[in-house]
mmCIF file of all heavy atoms, coordinates in Angstrom:
data_MODEL
# 
_entry.id   MODEL 
# 
loop_
_atom_site.group_PDB 
_atom_site.id 
_atom_site.type_symbol 
_atom_site.label_atom_id 
_atom_site.label_alt_id 
_atom_site.label_comp_id 
_atom_site.label_asym_id 
_atom_site.label_entity_id 
_atom_site.label_seq_id 
_atom_site.pdbx_PDB_ins_code 
_atom_site.Cartn_x 
_atom_site.Cartn_y 
_atom_site.Cartn_z 
_atom_site.occupancy 
_atom_site.B_iso_or_equiv 
_atom_site.pdbx_formal_charge 
_atom_site.auth_seq_id 
_atom_site.auth_comp_id 
_atom_site.auth_asym_id 
_atom_site.auth_atom_id 
_atom_site.pdbx_PDB_model_num 
ATOM 1   N N   . LEU A 1 1  ? 73.860 199.680 231.555 1.00 0.00 ? 1  LEU A N   1 
ATOM 2   C CA  . LEU A 1 1  ? 72.506 199.360 231.302 1.00 0.00 ? 1  LEU A CA  1 
ATOM 3   C C   . LEU A 1 1  ? 72.433 198.085 230.471 1.00 0.00 ? 1  LEU A C   1 
ATOM 4   O O   . LEU A 1 1  ? 71.513 197.120 230.655 1.00 0.00 ? 1  LEU A O   1 
ATOM 5   C CB  . LEU A 1 1  ? 71.766 200.579 230.545 1.00 0.00 ? 1  LEU A CB  1 
ATOM 6   C CG  . LEU A 1 1  ? 70.388 200.498 230.227 1.00 0.00 ? 1  LEU A CG  1 
ATOM 7   C CD1 . LEU A 1 1  ? 69.524 200.163 231.491 1.00 0.00 ? 1  LEU A CD1 1 
ATOM 8   C CD2 . LEU A 1 1  ? 69.996 201.590 229.439 1.00 0.00 ? 1  LEU A CD2 1 
ATOM 9   N N   . ASP A 1 2  ? 73.235 197.956 229.403 1.00 0.00 ? 2  ASP A N   1 
ATOM 10  C CA  . ASP A 1 2  ? 73.253 196.712 228.632 1.00 0.00 ? 2  ASP A CA  1 
ATOM 11  C C   . ASP A 1 2  ? 73.493 195.536 229.492 1.00 0.00 ? 2  ASP A C   1 
ATOM 12  O O   . ASP A 1 2  ? 72.857 194.486 229.198 1.00 0.00 ? 2  ASP A O   1 
ATOM 13  C CB  . ASP A 1 2  ? 74.169 196.847 227.614 1.00 0.00 ? 2  ASP A CB  1 
ATOM 14  C CG  . ASP A 1 2  ? 73.815 197.964 226.520 1.00 0.00 ? 2  ASP A CG  1 
ATOM 15  O OD1 . ASP A 1 2  ? 72.668 198.404 226.374 1.00 0.00 ? 2  ASP A OD1 1 
ATOM 16  O OD2 . ASP A 1 2  ? 74.734 198.344 225.738 1.00 0.00 ? 2  ASP A OD2 1 
ATOM 17  N N   . GLU A 1 3  ? 74.424 195.627 230.409 1.00 0.00 ? 3  GLU A N   1 
ATOM 18  C CA  . GLU A 1 3  ? 74.772 194.411 231.211 1.00 0.00 ? 3  GLU A CA  1 
ATOM 19  C C   . GLU A 1 3  ? 73.605 194.192 232.063 1.00 0.00 ? 3  GLU A C   1 
ATOM 20  O O   . GLU A 1 3  ? 73.208 192.952 232.274 1.00 0.00 ? 3  GLU A O   1 
ATOM 21  C CB  . GLU A 1 3  ? 75.962 194.757 232.023 1.00 0.00 ? 3  GLU A CB  1 
ATOM 22  C CG  . GLU A 1 3  ? 77.362 194.805 231.282 1.00 0.00 ? 3  GLU A CG  1 
ATOM 23  C CD  . GLU A 1 3  ? 77.544 193.533 230.745 1.00 0.00 ? 3  GLU A CD  1 
ATOM 24  O OE1 . GLU A 1 3  ? 77.546 192.424 231.273 1.00 0.00 ? 3  GLU A OE1 1 
ATOM 25  O OE2 . GLU A 1 3  ? 77.820 193.502 229.337 1.00 0.00 ? 3  GLU A OE2 1 
ATOM 26  N N   . LYS A 1 4  ? 72.861 195.053 232.700 1.00 0.00 ? 4  LYS A N   1 
ATOM 27  C CA  . LYS A 1 4  ? 71.765 194.787 233.501 1.00 0.00 ? 4  LYS A CA  1 
ATOM 28  C C   . LYS A 1 4  ? 70.595 194.129 232.633 1.00 0.00 ? 4  LYS A C   1 
ATOM 29  O O   . LYS A 1 4  ? 69.800 193.181 233.076 1.00 0.00 ? 4  LYS A O   1 
ATOM 30  C CB  . LYS A 1 4  ? 71.158 196.087 234.254 1.00 0.00 ? 4  LYS A CB  1 
ATOM 31  C CG  . LYS A 1 4  ? 72.153 196.771 235.153 1.00 0.00 ? 4  LYS A CG  1 
ATOM 32  C CD  . LYS A 1 4  ? 72.451 195.895 236.316 1.00 0.00 ? 4  LYS A CD  1 
ATOM 33  C CE  . LYS A 1 4  ? 73.430 196.586 237.173 1.00 0.00 ? 4  LYS A CE  1 
ATOM 34  N NZ  . LYS A 1 4  ? 73.740 195.874 238.402 1.00 0.00 ? 4  LYS A NZ  1 
ATOM 35  N N   . ARG A 1 5  ? 70.482 194.637 231.378 1.00 0.00 ? 5  ARG A N   1 
ATOM 36  C CA  . ARG A 1 5  ? 69.429 194.150 230.566 1.00 0.00 ? 5  ARG A CA  1 
ATOM 37  C C   . ARG A 1 5  ? 69.719 192.711 230.240 1.00 0.00 ? 5  ARG A C   1 
ATOM 38  O O   . ARG A 1 5  ? 68.869 191.799 230.075 1.00 0.00 ? 5  ARG A O   1 
ATOM 39  C CB  . ARG A 1 5  ? 69.248 195.062 229.285 1.00 0.00 ? 5  ARG A CB  1 
ATOM 40  C CG  . ARG A 1 5  ? 68.544 196.301 229.475 1.00 0.00 ? 5  ARG A CG  1 
ATOM 41  C CD  . ARG A 1 5  ? 68.437 197.045 228.294 1.00 0.00 ? 5  ARG A CD  1 
ATOM 42  N NE  . ARG A 1 5  ? 67.734 198.264 228.502 1.00 0.00 ? 5  ARG A NE  1 
ATOM 43  C CZ  . ARG A 1 5  ? 67.664 199.288 227.661 1.00 0.00 ? 5  ARG A CZ  1 
ATOM 44  N NH1 . ARG A 1 5  ? 68.410 199.261 226.491 1.00 0.00 ? 5  ARG A NH1 1 
ATOM 45  N NH2 . ARG A 1 5  ? 66.886 200.374 227.961 1.00 0.00 ? 5  ARG A NH2 1 
ATOM 46  N N   . ARG A 1 6  ? 70.964 192.420 229.909 1.00 0.00 ? 6  ARG A N   1 
ATOM 47  C CA  . ARG A 1 6  ? 71.274 191.015 229.545 1.00 0.00 ? 6  ARG A CA  1 
ATOM 48  C C   . ARG A 1 6  ? 71.091 190.176 230.807 1.00 0.00 ? 6  ARG A C   1 
ATOM 49  O O   . ARG A 1 6  ? 70.551 188.923 230.663 1.00 0.00 ? 6  ARG A O   1 
ATOM 50  C CB  . ARG A 1 6  ? 72.861 190.912 229.232 1.00 0.00 ? 6  ARG A CB  1 
ATOM 51  C CG  . ARG A 1 6  ? 73.132 191.413 227.754 1.00 0.00 ? 6  ARG A CG  1 
ATOM 52  C CD  . ARG A 1 6  ? 74.652 190.982 227.423 1.00 0.00 ? 6  ARG A CD  1 
ATOM 53  N NE  . ARG A 1 6  ? 74.968 191.891 226.371 1.00 0.00 ? 6  ARG A NE  1 
ATOM 54  C CZ  . ARG A 1 6  ? 75.654 193.086 226.491 1.00 0.00 ? 6  ARG A CZ  1 
ATOM 55  N NH1 . ARG A 1 6  ? 76.083 193.491 227.590 1.00 0.00 ? 6  ARG A NH1 1 
ATOM 56  N NH2 . ARG A 1 6  ? 75.833 193.838 225.440 1.00 0.00 ? 6  ARG A NH2 1 
ATOM 57  N N   . ALA A 1 7  ? 71.386 190.557 231.822 1.00 0.00 ? 7  ALA A N   1 
ATOM 58  C CA  . ALA A 1 7  ? 71.320 189.707 233.113 1.00 0.00 ? 7  ALA A CA  1 
ATOM 59  C C   . ALA A 1 7  ? 69.704 189.488 233.315 1.00 0.00 ? 7  ALA A C   1 
ATOM 60  O O   . ALA A 1 7  ? 69.326 188.412 233.693 1.00 0.00 ? 7  ALA A O   1 
ATOM 61  C CB  . ALA A 1 7  ? 71.739 190.400 234.396 1.00 0.00 ? 7  ALA A CB  1 
ATOM 62  N N   . MET A 1 8  ? 68.860 190.487 233.045 1.00 0.00 ? 8  MET A N   1 
ATOM 63  C CA  . MET A 1 8  ? 67.473 190.344 233.199 1.00 0.00 ? 8  MET A CA  1 
ATOM 64  C C   . MET A 1 8  ? 66.917 189.387 232.225 1.00 0.00 ? 8  MET A C   1 
ATOM 65  O O   . MET A 1 8  ? 66.072 188.580 232.394 1.00 0.00 ? 8  MET A O   1 
ATOM 66  C CB  . MET A 1 8  ? 66.735 191.723 232.996 1.00 0.00 ? 8  MET A CB  1 
ATOM 67  C CG  . MET A 1 8  ? 65.282 191.569 233.319 1.00 0.00 ? 8  MET A CG  1 
ATOM 68  S SD  . MET A 1 8  ? 64.679 193.032 234.041 1.00 0.00 ? 8  MET A SD  1 
ATOM 69  C CE  . MET A 1 8  ? 62.904 192.802 233.780 1.00 0.00 ? 8  MET A CE  1 
ATOM 70  N N   . GLY A 1 9  ? 67.490 189.545 230.980 1.00 0.00 ? 9  GLY A N   1 
ATOM 71  C CA  . GLY A 1 9  ? 67.124 188.532 229.941 1.00 0.00 ? 9  GLY A CA  1 
ATOM 72  C C   . GLY A 1 9  ? 67.382 187.022 230.264 1.00 0.00 ? 9  GLY A C   1 
ATOM 73  O O   . GLY A 1 9  ? 66.560 186.139 230.089 1.00 0.00 ? 9  GLY A O   1 
ATOM 74  N N   . VAL A 1 10 ? 68.587 186.919 230.931 1.00 0.00 ? 10 VAL A N   1 
ATOM 75  C CA  . VAL A 1 10 ? 68.815 185.411 231.441 1.00 0.00 ? 10 VAL A CA  1 
ATOM 76  C C   . VAL A 1 10 ? 67.759 185.013 232.435 1.00 0.00 ? 10 VAL A C   1 
ATOM 77  O O   . VAL A 1 10 ? 67.253 183.906 232.344 1.00 0.00 ? 10 VAL A O   1 
ATOM 78  C CB  . VAL A 1 10 ? 70.161 185.438 232.040 1.00 0.00 ? 10 VAL A CB  1 
ATOM 79  C CG1 . VAL A 1 10 ? 70.462 184.131 232.638 1.00 0.00 ? 10 VAL A CG1 1 
ATOM 80  C CG2 . VAL A 1 10 ? 71.251 185.596 230.919 1.00 0.00 ? 10 VAL A CG2 1 
ATOM 81  N N   . LEU A 1 11 ? 67.359 185.859 233.398 1.00 0.00 ? 11 LEU A N   1 
ATOM 82  C CA  . LEU A 1 11 ? 66.412 185.715 234.392 1.00 0.00 ? 11 LEU A CA  1 
ATOM 83  C C   . LEU A 1 11 ? 65.072 185.243 233.837 1.00 0.00 ? 11 LEU A C   1 
ATOM 84  O O   . LEU A 1 11 ? 64.424 184.334 234.108 1.00 0.00 ? 11 LEU A O   1 
ATOM 85  C CB  . LEU A 1 11 ? 66.295 186.646 235.299 1.00 0.00 ? 11 LEU A CB  1 
ATOM 86  C CG  . LEU A 1 11 ? 67.546 186.963 236.294 1.00 0.00 ? 11 LEU A CG  1 
ATOM 87  C CD1 . LEU A 1 11 ? 67.228 188.266 237.158 1.00 0.00 ? 11 LEU A CD1 1 
ATOM 88  C CD2 . LEU A 1 11 ? 67.753 185.673 237.157 1.00 0.00 ? 11 LEU A CD2 1 
ATOM 89  N N   . LEU A 1 12 ? 64.633 186.001 232.732 1.00 0.00 ? 12 LEU A N   1 
ATOM 90  C CA  . LEU A 1 12 ? 63.437 185.775 232.012 1.00 0.00 ? 12 LEU A CA  1 
ATOM 91  C C   . LEU A 1 12 ? 63.394 184.487 231.343 1.00 0.00 ? 12 LEU A C   1 
ATOM 92  O O   . LEU A 1 12 ? 62.373 183.724 231.246 1.00 0.00 ? 12 LEU A O   1 
ATOM 93  C CB  . LEU A 1 12 ? 63.097 186.938 231.051 1.00 0.00 ? 12 LEU A CB  1 
ATOM 94  C CG  . LEU A 1 12 ? 62.793 188.275 231.720 1.00 0.00 ? 12 LEU A CG  1 
ATOM 95  C CD1 . LEU A 1 12 ? 62.706 189.281 230.688 1.00 0.00 ? 12 LEU A CD1 1 
ATOM 96  C CD2 . LEU A 1 12 ? 61.444 188.208 232.425 1.00 0.00 ? 12 LEU A CD2 1 
ATOM 97  N N   . GLN A 1 13 ? 64.661 184.042 230.707 1.00 0.00 ? 13 GLN A N   1 
ATOM 98  C CA  . GLN A 1 13 ? 64.665 182.878 230.077 1.00 0.00 ? 13 GLN A CA  1 
ATOM 99  C C   . GLN A 1 13 ? 64.524 181.709 231.163 1.00 0.00 ? 13 GLN A C   1 
ATOM 100 O O   . GLN A 1 13 ? 63.922 180.717 230.835 1.00 0.00 ? 13 GLN A O   1 
ATOM 101 C CB  . GLN A 1 13 ? 65.972 182.621 229.342 1.00 0.00 ? 13 GLN A CB  1 
ATOM 102 C CG  . GLN A 1 13 ? 66.120 183.513 228.062 1.00 0.00 ? 13 GLN A CG  1 
ATOM 103 C CD  . GLN A 1 13 ? 67.486 183.482 227.507 1.00 0.00 ? 13 GLN A CD  1 
ATOM 104 O OE1 . GLN A 1 13 ? 68.520 183.008 228.051 1.00 0.00 ? 13 GLN A OE1 1 
ATOM 105 N NE2 . GLN A 1 13 ? 67.530 183.997 226.144 1.00 0.00 ? 13 GLN A NE2 1 
ATOM 106 N N   . GLU A 1 14 ? 65.148 181.837 232.284 1.00 0.00 ? 14 GLU A N   1 
ATOM 107 C CA  . GLU A 1 14 ? 65.068 180.915 233.293 1.00 0.00 ? 14 GLU A CA  1 
ATOM 108 C C   . GLU A 1 14 ? 63.577 180.721 233.795 1.00 0.00 ? 14 GLU A C   1 
ATOM 109 O O   . GLU A 1 14 ? 63.120 179.542 234.040 1.00 0.00 ? 14 GLU A O   1 
ATOM 110 C CB  . GLU A 1 14 ? 65.960 181.228 234.541 1.00 0.00 ? 14 GLU A CB  1 
ATOM 111 C CG  . GLU A 1 14 ? 67.484 181.060 234.208 1.00 0.00 ? 14 GLU A CG  1 
ATOM 112 C CD  . GLU A 1 14 ? 68.354 181.590 235.301 1.00 0.00 ? 14 GLU A CD  1 
ATOM 113 O OE1 . GLU A 1 14 ? 67.900 182.289 236.196 1.00 0.00 ? 14 GLU A OE1 1 
ATOM 114 O OE2 . GLU A 1 14 ? 69.710 181.498 235.110 1.00 0.00 ? 14 GLU A OE2 1 
ATOM 115 N N   . GLU A 1 15 ? 62.958 181.865 233.995 1.00 0.00 ? 15 GLU A N   1 
ATOM 116 C CA  . GLU A 1 15 ? 61.638 181.792 234.311 1.00 0.00 ? 15 GLU A CA  1 
ATOM 117 C C   . GLU A 1 15 ? 60.789 181.043 233.282 1.00 0.00 ? 15 GLU A C   1 
ATOM 118 O O   . GLU A 1 15 ? 59.808 180.287 233.532 1.00 0.00 ? 15 GLU A O   1 
ATOM 119 C CB  . GLU A 1 15 ? 61.006 183.152 234.462 1.00 0.00 ? 15 GLU A CB  1 
ATOM 120 C CG  . GLU A 1 15 ? 59.441 183.098 234.950 1.00 0.00 ? 15 GLU A CG  1 
ATOM 121 C CD  . GLU A 1 15 ? 58.769 184.517 234.821 1.00 0.00 ? 15 GLU A CD  1 
ATOM 122 O OE1 . GLU A 1 15 ? 59.254 185.306 233.976 1.00 0.00 ? 15 GLU A OE1 1 
ATOM 123 O OE2 . GLU A 1 15 ? 57.706 184.629 235.526 1.00 0.00 ? 15 GLU A OE2 1 
ATOM 124 N N   . ALA A 1 16 ? 60.982 181.326 231.980 1.00 0.00 ? 16 ALA A N   1 
ATOM 125 C CA  . ALA A 1 16 ? 60.305 180.697 230.905 1.00 0.00 ? 16 ALA A CA  1 
ATOM 126 C C   . ALA A 1 16 ? 60.497 179.240 230.922 1.00 0.00 ? 16 ALA A C   1 
ATOM 127 O O   . ALA A 1 16 ? 59.544 178.393 230.707 1.00 0.00 ? 16 ALA A O   1 
ATOM 128 C CB  . ALA A 1 16 ? 60.618 181.210 229.526 1.00 0.00 ? 16 ALA A CB  1 
ATOM 129 N N   . ALA A 1 17 ? 61.799 178.728 231.341 1.00 0.00 ? 17 ALA A N   1 
ATOM 130 C CA  . ALA A 1 17 ? 61.977 177.327 231.347 1.00 0.00 ? 17 ALA A CA  1 
ATOM 131 C C   . ALA A 1 17 ? 61.225 176.726 232.473 1.00 0.00 ? 17 ALA A C   1 
ATOM 132 O O   . ALA A 1 17 ? 60.728 175.607 232.430 1.00 0.00 ? 17 ALA A O   1 
ATOM 133 C CB  . ALA A 1 17 ? 63.512 177.082 231.651 1.00 0.00 ? 17 ALA A CB  1 
ATOM 134 N N   . PHE A 1 18 ? 61.196 177.405 233.594 1.00 0.00 ? 18 PHE A N   1 
ATOM 135 C CA  . PHE A 1 18 ? 60.376 176.933 234.753 1.00 0.00 ? 18 PHE A CA  1 
ATOM 136 C C   . PHE A 1 18 ? 58.902 176.722 234.459 1.00 0.00 ? 18 PHE A C   1 
ATOM 137 O O   . PHE A 1 18 ? 58.194 175.658 234.710 1.00 0.00 ? 18 PHE A O   1 
ATOM 138 C CB  . PHE A 1 18 ? 60.438 177.741 235.945 1.00 0.00 ? 18 PHE A CB  1 
ATOM 139 C CG  . PHE A 1 18 ? 61.761 177.696 236.696 1.00 0.00 ? 18 PHE A CG  1 
ATOM 140 C CD1 . PHE A 1 18 ? 62.239 178.762 237.490 1.00 0.00 ? 18 PHE A CD1 1 
ATOM 141 C CD2 . PHE A 1 18 ? 62.625 176.562 236.729 1.00 0.00 ? 18 PHE A CD2 1 
ATOM 142 C CE1 . PHE A 1 18 ? 63.420 178.801 238.116 1.00 0.00 ? 18 PHE A CE1 1 
ATOM 143 C CE2 . PHE A 1 18 ? 63.782 176.480 237.334 1.00 0.00 ? 18 PHE A CE2 1 
ATOM 144 C CZ  . PHE A 1 18 ? 64.183 177.625 238.159 1.00 0.00 ? 18 PHE A CZ  1 
ATOM 145 N N   . LEU A 1 19 ? 58.361 177.683 233.669 1.00 0.00 ? 19 LEU A N   1 
ATOM 146 C CA  . LEU A 1 19 ? 57.056 177.690 233.206 1.00 0.00 ? 19 LEU A CA  1 
ATOM 147 C C   . LEU A 1 19 ? 56.734 176.532 232.209 1.00 0.00 ? 19 LEU A C   1 
ATOM 148 O O   . LEU A 1 19 ? 55.754 175.847 232.243 1.00 0.00 ? 19 LEU A O   1 
ATOM 149 C CB  . LEU A 1 19 ? 56.609 179.014 232.629 1.00 0.00 ? 19 LEU A CB  1 
ATOM 150 C CG  . LEU A 1 19 ? 56.513 180.155 233.527 1.00 0.00 ? 19 LEU A CG  1 
ATOM 151 C CD1 . LEU A 1 19 ? 56.275 181.424 232.887 1.00 0.00 ? 19 LEU A CD1 1 
ATOM 152 C CD2 . LEU A 1 19 ? 55.445 179.910 234.734 1.00 0.00 ? 19 LEU A CD2 1 
ATOM 153 N N   . ALA A 1 20 ? 57.770 176.294 231.347 1.00 0.00 ? 20 ALA A N   1 
ATOM 154 C CA  . ALA A 1 20 ? 57.587 175.200 230.408 1.00 0.00 ? 20 ALA A CA  1 
ATOM 155 C C   . ALA A 1 20 ? 57.655 173.823 231.118 1.00 0.00 ? 20 ALA A C   1 
ATOM 156 O O   . ALA A 1 20 ? 56.865 172.998 230.828 1.00 0.00 ? 20 ALA A O   1 
ATOM 157 C CB  . ALA A 1 20 ? 58.758 175.289 229.401 1.00 0.00 ? 20 ALA A CB  1 
ATOM 158 N N   . GLU A 1 21 ? 58.443 173.846 232.132 1.00 0.00 ? 21 GLU A N   1 
ATOM 159 C CA  . GLU A 1 21 ? 58.622 172.600 233.001 1.00 0.00 ? 21 GLU A CA  1 
ATOM 160 C C   . GLU A 1 21 ? 57.240 172.414 233.699 1.00 0.00 ? 21 GLU A C   1 
ATOM 161 O O   . GLU A 1 21 ? 56.834 171.240 233.774 1.00 0.00 ? 21 GLU A O   1 
ATOM 162 C CB  . GLU A 1 21 ? 59.639 172.694 234.027 1.00 0.00 ? 21 GLU A CB  1 
ATOM 163 C CG  . GLU A 1 21 ? 59.795 171.516 234.930 1.00 0.00 ? 21 GLU A CG  1 
ATOM 164 C CD  . GLU A 1 21 ? 61.050 171.598 235.986 1.00 0.00 ? 21 GLU A CD  1 
ATOM 165 O OE1 . GLU A 1 21 ? 61.902 172.682 235.734 1.00 0.00 ? 21 GLU A OE1 1 
ATOM 166 O OE2 . GLU A 1 21 ? 61.204 170.808 236.853 1.00 0.00 ? 21 GLU A OE2 1 
ATOM 167 N N   . SER A 1 22 ? 56.599 173.429 234.146 1.00 0.00 ? 22 SER A N   1 
ATOM 168 C CA  . SER A 1 22 ? 55.215 173.371 234.862 1.00 0.00 ? 22 SER A CA  1 
ATOM 169 C C   . SER A 1 22 ? 54.286 172.809 233.888 1.00 0.00 ? 22 SER A C   1 
ATOM 170 O O   . SER A 1 22 ? 53.492 171.884 234.251 1.00 0.00 ? 22 SER A O   1 
ATOM 171 C CB  . SER A 1 22 ? 54.872 174.727 235.356 1.00 0.00 ? 22 SER A CB  1 
ATOM 172 O OG  . SER A 1 22 ? 53.651 174.597 235.913 1.00 0.00 ? 22 SER A OG  1 
ATOM 173 N N   . ASP A 1 23 ? 54.260 173.230 232.679 1.00 0.00 ? 23 ASP A N   1 
ATOM 174 C CA  . ASP A 1 23 ? 53.450 172.781 231.619 1.00 0.00 ? 23 ASP A CA  1 
ATOM 175 C C   . ASP A 1 23 ? 53.501 171.177 231.281 1.00 0.00 ? 23 ASP A C   1 
ATOM 176 O O   . ASP A 1 23 ? 52.690 170.499 231.217 1.00 0.00 ? 23 ASP A O   1 
ATOM 177 C CB  . ASP A 1 23 ? 53.466 173.594 230.378 1.00 0.00 ? 23 ASP A CB  1 
ATOM 178 C CG  . ASP A 1 23 ? 52.822 174.934 230.491 1.00 0.00 ? 23 ASP A CG  1 
ATOM 179 O OD1 . ASP A 1 23 ? 52.071 175.234 231.480 1.00 0.00 ? 23 ASP A OD1 1 
ATOM 180 O OD2 . ASP A 1 23 ? 53.211 175.876 229.528 1.00 0.00 ? 23 ASP A OD2 1 
ATOM 181 N N   . ALA A 1 24 ? 54.874 170.938 231.310 1.00 0.00 ? 24 ALA A N   1 
ATOM 182 C CA  . ALA A 1 24 ? 55.218 169.603 230.968 1.00 0.00 ? 24 ALA A CA  1 
ATOM 183 C C   . ALA A 1 24 ? 54.713 168.548 232.095 1.00 0.00 ? 24 ALA A C   1 
ATOM 184 O O   . ALA A 1 24 ? 54.230 167.475 231.882 1.00 0.00 ? 24 ALA A O   1 
ATOM 185 C CB  . ALA A 1 24 ? 56.726 169.269 230.741 1.00 0.00 ? 24 ALA A CB  1 
ATOM 186 N N   . MET A 1 25 ? 54.886 169.164 233.326 1.00 0.00 ? 25 MET A N   1 
ATOM 187 C CA  . MET A 1 25 ? 54.495 168.304 234.547 1.00 0.00 ? 25 MET A CA  1 
ATOM 188 C C   . MET A 1 25 ? 52.926 168.089 234.401 1.00 0.00 ? 25 MET A C   1 
ATOM 189 O O   . MET A 1 25 ? 52.400 167.094 234.842 1.00 0.00 ? 25 MET A O   1 
ATOM 190 C CB  . MET A 1 25 ? 54.911 169.064 235.840 1.00 0.00 ? 25 MET A CB  1 
ATOM 191 C CG  . MET A 1 25 ? 56.377 168.804 236.035 1.00 0.00 ? 25 MET A CG  1 
ATOM 192 S SD  . MET A 1 25 ? 56.939 169.737 237.473 1.00 0.00 ? 25 MET A SD  1 
ATOM 193 C CE  . MET A 1 25 ? 55.776 169.222 238.818 1.00 0.00 ? 25 MET A CE  1 
# 
């Protein structure tokens, strides 16, 4: 469960980076 949560955290960070990139654009 901890491993799955960590992996999901990475995905959420990547999504946040995409959203920040969208704002910057």
